[in-house]
Amino acid sequence: MLLQAALMSPQHQPQGLPMSAAENRALIERWYRALENNDFDAIFEMHHDDVIYNMVGNTLVSGRIYGKDACCNGMIGEKLLEKLIPEEIRFATSWKIIAAEGNRVVGLMQGGGPTKSGEMYDQTYCEIFTIEDGKIKEMHAFFDTVLVEQCLFDNTLSTPEQPLADPFQIN
């Protein structure tokens, strides 16, 4: 039984054989835990070589990004992590999987940290993952683009007149 479980882990999954929704969910749970622990090497390994990121909006981090290196090192590394104070990054402070069916998993995540420019980047993400061959093949990410512009690119588009009485939280 233990050997059977080991052989069905993502790294032993035969090419082209689909994983179950439960296995796909477990992969994304590992992804969020790796984010919790700032384990970006593990995150890199969870991506398919031909991964595609679809980032909402019209910001410098928006659009379609192709390939593991461009997604992980370019988008996550250069466009996001480079703007934050490394020792204070706290991604995935709160997260949960809200759906897993077939080769797709949907999750909500909150996290971020202080930027090098002094802003606080506390972002909420809704992410839709497509899994292929035991790895993340595609991700659609939805997030507050005004916060991205303000905190990461020093472009204040809009400032609320007063704090929200009941801001969105992952429950």
C-alpha atoms as a PDB file:
ATOM      1  CA  MET A   1       0.000   0.000   0.000  1.00  0.00           C
ATOM      2  CA  LEU A   2       2.821   2.435   0.900  1.00  0.00           C
ATOM      3  CA  LEU A   3       4.660   1.564  -2.312  1.00  0.00           C
ATOM      4  CA  GLN A   4       1.471   2.079  -4.312  1.00  0.00           C
ATOM      5  CA  ALA A   5       0.995   5.539  -2.753  1.00  0.00           C
ATOM      6  CA  ALA A   6       4.615   6.439  -3.505  1.00  0.00           C
ATOM      7  CA  LEU A   7       4.247   5.342  -7.113  1.00  0.00           C
ATOM      8  CA  MET A   8       1.174   7.542  -7.541  1.00  0.00           C
ATOM      9  CA  SER A   9       2.948  10.678  -6.280  1.00  0.00           C
ATOM     10  CA  PRO A  10       3.296  13.426  -8.935  1.00  0.00           C
ATOM     11  CA  GLN A  11       6.994  12.703  -9.626  1.00  0.00           C
ATOM     12  CA  HIS A  12       6.121   9.050 -10.428  1.00  0.00           C
ATOM     13  CA  GLN A  13       2.988   9.810 -12.450  1.00  0.00           C
ATOM     14  CA  PRO A  14       3.317   8.401 -16.004  1.00  0.00           C
ATOM     15  CA  GLN A  15       3.292  11.072 -18.720  1.00  0.00           C
ATOM     16  CA  GLY A  16      -0.210  11.800 -19.928  1.00  0.00           C
ATOM     17  CA  LEU A  17      -2.029   9.841 -17.191  1.00  0.00           C
ATOM     18  CA  PRO A  18      -4.419  12.249 -15.452  1.00  0.00           C
ATOM     19  CA  MET A  19      -4.288  12.644 -11.705  1.00  0.00           C
ATOM     20  CA  SER A  20      -7.449  12.512  -9.628  1.00  0.00           C
ATOM     21  CA  ALA A  21      -9.098  15.678  -8.335  1.00  0.00           C
ATOM     22  CA  ALA A  22      -7.854  14.714  -4.843  1.00  0.00           C
ATOM     23  CA  GLU A  23      -4.251  14.406  -6.099  1.00  0.00           C
ATOM     24  CA  ASN A  24      -4.527  17.740  -7.923  1.00  0.00           C
ATOM     25  CA  ARG A  25      -5.925  19.337  -4.771  1.00  0.00           C
ATOM     26  CA  ALA A  26      -3.005  17.907  -2.757  1.00  0.00           C
ATOM     27  CA  LEU A  27      -0.524  19.422  -5.248  1.00  0.00           C
ATOM     28  CA  ILE A  28      -2.023  22.896  -4.835  1.00  0.00           C
ATOM     29  CA  GLU A  29      -2.144  22.473  -1.044  1.00  0.00           C
ATOM     30  CA  ARG A  30       1.620  21.747  -1.205  1.00  0.00           C
ATOM     31  CA  TRP A  31       2.007  24.847  -3.403  1.00  0.00           C
ATOM     32  CA  TYR A  32       0.275  27.072  -0.825  1.00  0.00           C
ATOM     33  CA  ARG A  33       2.311  25.514   2.014  1.00  0.00           C
ATOM     34  CA  ALA A  34       5.502  26.189   0.061  1.00  0.00           C
ATOM     35  CA  LEU A  35       4.370  29.821  -0.299  1.00  0.00           C
ATOM     36  CA  GLU A  36       3.697  29.935   3.459  1.00  0.00           C
ATOM     37  CA  ASN A  37       7.299  28.843   4.028  1.00  0.00           C
ATOM     38  CA  ASN A  38       8.813  31.004   1.253  1.00  0.00           C
ATOM     39  CA  ASP A  39      10.125  27.776  -0.326  1.00  0.00           C
ATOM     40  CA  PHE A  40      10.481  29.094  -3.863  1.00  0.00           C
ATOM     41  CA  ASP A  41      12.650  26.141  -4.964  1.00  0.00           C
ATOM     42  CA  ALA A  42       9.737  23.784  -4.200  1.00  0.00           C
ATOM     43  CA  ILE A  43       7.332  26.129  -6.003  1.00  0.00           C
ATOM     44  CA  PHE A  44       9.604  26.138  -9.076  1.00  0.00           C
ATOM     45  CA  GLU A  45       9.608  22.322  -9.154  1.00  0.00           C
ATOM     46  CA  MET A  46       5.792  22.173  -9.010  1.00  0.00           C
ATOM     47  CA  HIS A  47       5.526  23.965 -12.371  1.00  0.00           C
ATOM     48  CA  HIS A  48       5.405  22.278 -15.769  1.00  0.00           C
ATOM     49  CA  ASP A  49       8.230  23.434 -18.062  1.00  0.00           C
ATOM     50  CA  ASP A  50       5.620  24.902 -20.435  1.00  0.00           C
ATOM     51  CA  VAL A  51       3.474  26.558 -17.745  1.00  0.00           C
ATOM     52  CA  ILE A  52       1.372  29.581 -18.689  1.00  0.00           C
ATOM     53  CA  TYR A  53       0.373  32.315 -16.224  1.00  0.00           C
ATOM     54  CA  ASN A  54      -2.674  34.438 -17.073  1.00  0.00           C
ATOM     55  CA  MET A  55      -2.514  37.553 -14.904  1.00  0.00           C
ATOM     56  CA  VAL A  56      -5.581  39.820 -14.761  1.00  0.00           C
ATOM     57  CA  GLY A  57      -5.512  43.499 -15.686  1.00  0.00           C
ATOM     58  CA  ASN A  58      -3.268  45.918 -17.518  1.00  0.00           C
ATOM     59  CA  THR A  59      -0.388  46.277 -15.059  1.00  0.00           C
ATOM     60  CA  LEU A  60       3.298  45.466 -15.528  1.00  0.00           C
ATOM     61  CA  VAL A  61       2.572  42.023 -14.026  1.00  0.00           C
ATOM     62  CA  SER A  62      -0.508  41.410 -16.197  1.00  0.00           C
ATOM     63  CA  GLY A  63      -0.948  39.397 -19.363  1.00  0.00           C
ATOM     64  CA  ARG A  64       0.057  35.911 -20.470  1.00  0.00           C
ATOM     65  CA  ILE A  65       3.468  34.692 -19.376  1.00  0.00           C
ATOM     66  CA  TYR A  66       4.946  31.566 -20.953  1.00  0.00           C
ATOM     67  CA  GLY A  67       7.398  29.025 -19.503  1.00  0.00           C
ATOM     68  CA  LYS A  68       8.642  27.983 -16.078  1.00  0.00           C
ATOM     69  CA  ASP A  69      11.560  30.424 -15.980  1.00  0.00           C
ATOM     70  CA  ALA A  70       9.519  33.435 -17.123  1.00  0.00           C
ATOM     71  CA  CYS A  71       6.694  32.640 -14.680  1.00  0.00           C
ATOM     72  CA  CYS A  72       8.741  31.708 -11.616  1.00  0.00           C
ATOM     73  CA  ASN A  73      11.913  33.772 -11.960  1.00  0.00           C
ATOM     74  CA  GLY A  74      10.599  36.597 -14.121  1.00  0.00           C
ATOM     75  CA  MET A  75       7.076  37.262 -12.881  1.00  0.00           C
ATOM     76  CA  ILE A  76       7.295  35.986  -9.292  1.00  0.00           C
ATOM     77  CA  GLY A  77      10.981  36.774  -8.775  1.00  0.00           C
ATOM     78  CA  GLU A  78      11.736  39.985 -10.650  1.00  0.00           C
ATOM     79  CA  LYS A  79       8.337  41.670 -10.842  1.00  0.00           C
ATOM     80  CA  LEU A  80       7.045  40.744  -7.376  1.00  0.00           C
ATOM     81  CA  LEU A  81       9.635  39.502  -4.873  1.00  0.00           C
ATOM     82  CA  GLU A  82      12.249  42.062  -5.951  1.00  0.00           C
ATOM     83  CA  LYS A  83       9.850  44.813  -4.837  1.00  0.00           C
ATOM     84  CA  LEU A  84       9.304  43.351  -1.335  1.00  0.00           C
ATOM     85  CA  ILE A  85      11.533  43.154   1.735  1.00  0.00           C
ATOM     86  CA  PRO A  86      12.698  39.500   1.522  1.00  0.00           C
ATOM     87  CA  GLU A  87      12.855  38.703   5.232  1.00  0.00           C
ATOM     88  CA  GLU A  88       9.340  40.079   5.787  1.00  0.00           C
ATOM     89  CA  ILE A  89       7.481  38.393   2.893  1.00  0.00           C
ATOM     90  CA  ARG A  90       4.491  36.432   4.166  1.00  0.00           C
ATOM     91  CA  PHE A  91       2.611  34.935   1.252  1.00  0.00           C
ATOM     92  CA  ALA A  92      -0.225  32.533   1.895  1.00  0.00           C
ATOM     93  CA  THR A  93      -0.884  33.840   5.409  1.00  0.00           C
ATOM     94  CA  SER A  94      -4.432  32.667   4.753  1.00  0.00           C
ATOM     95  CA  TRP A  95      -5.574  30.322   2.007  1.00  0.00           C
ATOM     96  CA  LYS A  96      -8.072  27.650   1.123  1.00  0.00           C
ATOM     97  CA  ILE A  97      -9.037  25.438  -1.757  1.00  0.00           C
ATOM     98  CA  ILE A  98     -12.610  26.223  -2.786  1.00  0.00           C
ATOM     99  CA  ALA A  99     -13.006  23.708  -5.621  1.00  0.00           C
ATOM    100  CA  ALA A 100     -11.223  20.770  -7.226  1.00  0.00           C
ATOM    101  CA  GLU A 101     -12.680  18.929 -10.176  1.00  0.00           C
ATOM    102  CA  GLY A 102     -10.905  16.975 -12.880  1.00  0.00           C
ATOM    103  CA  ASN A 103      -7.589  18.654 -13.636  1.00  0.00           C
ATOM    104  CA  ARG A 104      -8.602  22.067 -12.222  1.00  0.00           C
ATOM    105  CA  VAL A 105      -8.232  23.471  -8.717  1.00  0.00           C
ATOM    106  CA  VAL A 106      -9.437  26.876  -7.479  1.00  0.00           C
ATOM    107  CA  GLY A 107      -7.897  28.544  -4.453  1.00  0.00           C
ATOM    108  CA  LEU A 108      -8.077  31.808  -2.532  1.00  0.00           C
ATOM    109  CA  MET A 109      -4.980  33.272  -0.913  1.00  0.00           C
ATOM    110  CA  GLN A 110      -4.032  36.367   1.048  1.00  0.00           C
ATOM    111  CA  GLY A 111      -0.521  37.541   1.810  1.00  0.00           C
ATOM    112  CA  GLY A 112       2.321  39.828   0.870  1.00  0.00           C
ATOM    113  CA  GLY A 113       4.519  42.085   2.932  1.00  0.00           C
ATOM    114  CA  PRO A 114       6.157  45.490   3.094  1.00  0.00           C
ATOM    115  CA  THR A 115       7.676  46.875  -0.098  1.00  0.00           C
ATOM    116  CA  LYS A 116      11.107  48.444  -0.406  1.00  0.00           C
ATOM    117  CA  SER A 117       9.327  51.762  -1.080  1.00  0.00           C
ATOM    118  CA  GLY A 118       7.514  51.610   2.289  1.00  0.00           C
ATOM    119  CA  GLU A 119       4.061  50.494   1.112  1.00  0.00           C
ATOM    120  CA  MET A 120       2.260  47.501   2.612  1.00  0.00           C
ATOM    121  CA  TYR A 121       1.403  44.983  -0.110  1.00  0.00           C
ATOM    122  CA  ASP A 122      -1.356  42.827   1.403  1.00  0.00           C
ATOM    123  CA  GLN A 123      -2.994  41.185  -1.584  1.00  0.00           C
ATOM    124  CA  THR A 124      -5.927  38.803  -2.057  1.00  0.00           C
ATOM    125  CA  TYR A 125      -5.721  36.342  -4.945  1.00  0.00           C
ATOM    126  CA  CYS A 126      -8.187  33.991  -6.589  1.00  0.00           C
ATOM    127  CA  GLU A 127      -6.232  31.420  -8.578  1.00  0.00           C
ATOM    128  CA  ILE A 128      -7.452  28.791 -11.008  1.00  0.00           C
ATOM    129  CA  PHE A 129      -4.895  26.055 -11.649  1.00  0.00           C
ATOM    130  CA  THR A 130      -4.816  23.500 -14.450  1.00  0.00           C
ATOM    131  CA  ILE A 131      -2.723  20.420 -13.659  1.00  0.00           C
ATOM    132  CA  GLU A 132      -0.985  18.235 -16.244  1.00  0.00           C
ATOM    133  CA  ASP A 133       1.493  15.398 -15.633  1.00  0.00           C
ATOM    134  CA  GLY A 134       1.501  16.123 -11.895  1.00  0.00           C
ATOM    135  CA  LYS A 135       2.584  19.766 -12.331  1.00  0.00           C
ATOM    136  CA  ILE A 136       0.975  23.187 -12.647  1.00  0.00           C
ATOM    137  CA  LYS A 137       0.415  23.662 -16.381  1.00  0.00           C
ATOM    138  CA  GLU A 138      -1.610  26.880 -16.281  1.00  0.00           C
ATOM    139  CA  MET A 139      -2.746  29.446 -13.735  1.00  0.00           C
ATOM    140  CA  HIS A 140      -5.288  32.248 -13.983  1.00  0.00           C
ATOM    141  CA  ALA A 141      -4.742  34.816 -11.214  1.00  0.00           C
ATOM    142  CA  PHE A 142      -7.247  37.483 -10.197  1.00  0.00           C
ATOM    143  CA  PHE A 143      -6.129  40.211  -7.771  1.00  0.00           C
ATOM    144  CA  ASP A 144      -6.406  43.917  -6.892  1.00  0.00           C
ATOM    145  CA  THR A 145      -4.602  45.657  -9.758  1.00  0.00           C
ATOM    146  CA  VAL A 146      -4.829  49.096  -8.116  1.00  0.00           C
ATOM    147  CA  LEU A 147      -2.883  47.690  -5.153  1.00  0.00           C
ATOM    148  CA  VAL A 148      -0.269  46.272  -7.562  1.00  0.00           C
ATOM    149  CA  GLU A 149       0.140  49.664  -9.259  1.00  0.00           C
ATOM    150  CA  GLN A 150       0.355  51.557  -5.965  1.00  0.00           C
ATOM    151  CA  CYS A 151       2.585  49.238  -3.962  1.00  0.00           C
ATOM    152  CA  LEU A 152       4.817  47.632  -6.567  1.00  0.00           C
ATOM    153  CA  PHE A 153       5.091  50.362  -9.200  1.00  0.00           C
ATOM    154  CA  ASP A 154       4.503  53.583  -7.215  1.00  0.00           C
ATOM    155  CA  ASN A 155       1.519  54.519  -9.389  1.00  0.00           C
ATOM    156  CA  THR A 156      -1.336  55.767  -7.216  1.00  0.00           C
ATOM    157  CA  LEU A 157      -4.498  55.339  -9.270  1.00  0.00           C
ATOM    158  CA  SER A 158      -7.103  55.682  -6.555  1.00  0.00           C
ATOM    159  CA  THR A 159      -7.151  56.048  -2.817  1.00  0.00           C
ATOM    160  CA  PRO A 160     -10.292  55.130  -0.856  1.00  0.00           C
ATOM    161  CA  GLU A 161     -11.734  58.041   1.104  1.00  0.00           C
ATOM    162  CA  GLN A 162     -12.169  55.838   4.159  1.00  0.00           C
ATOM    163  CA  PRO A 163     -11.199  52.293   5.127  1.00  0.00           C
ATOM    164  CA  LEU A 164     -13.705  49.585   4.271  1.00  0.00           C
ATOM    165  CA  ALA A 165     -15.978  48.680   7.173  1.00  0.00           C
ATOM    166  CA  ASP A 166     -15.954  45.002   6.231  1.00  0.00           C
ATOM    167  CA  PRO A 167     -13.020  44.072   3.950  1.00  0.00           C
ATOM    168  CA  PHE A 168     -12.982  40.695   2.221  1.00  0.00           C
ATOM    169  CA  GLN A 169     -11.421  37.885   4.285  1.00  0.00           C
ATOM    170  CA  ILE A 170     -10.941  34.216   3.500  1.00  0.00           C
ATOM    171  CA  ASN A 171     -13.148  32.252   5.886  1.00  0.00           C
END
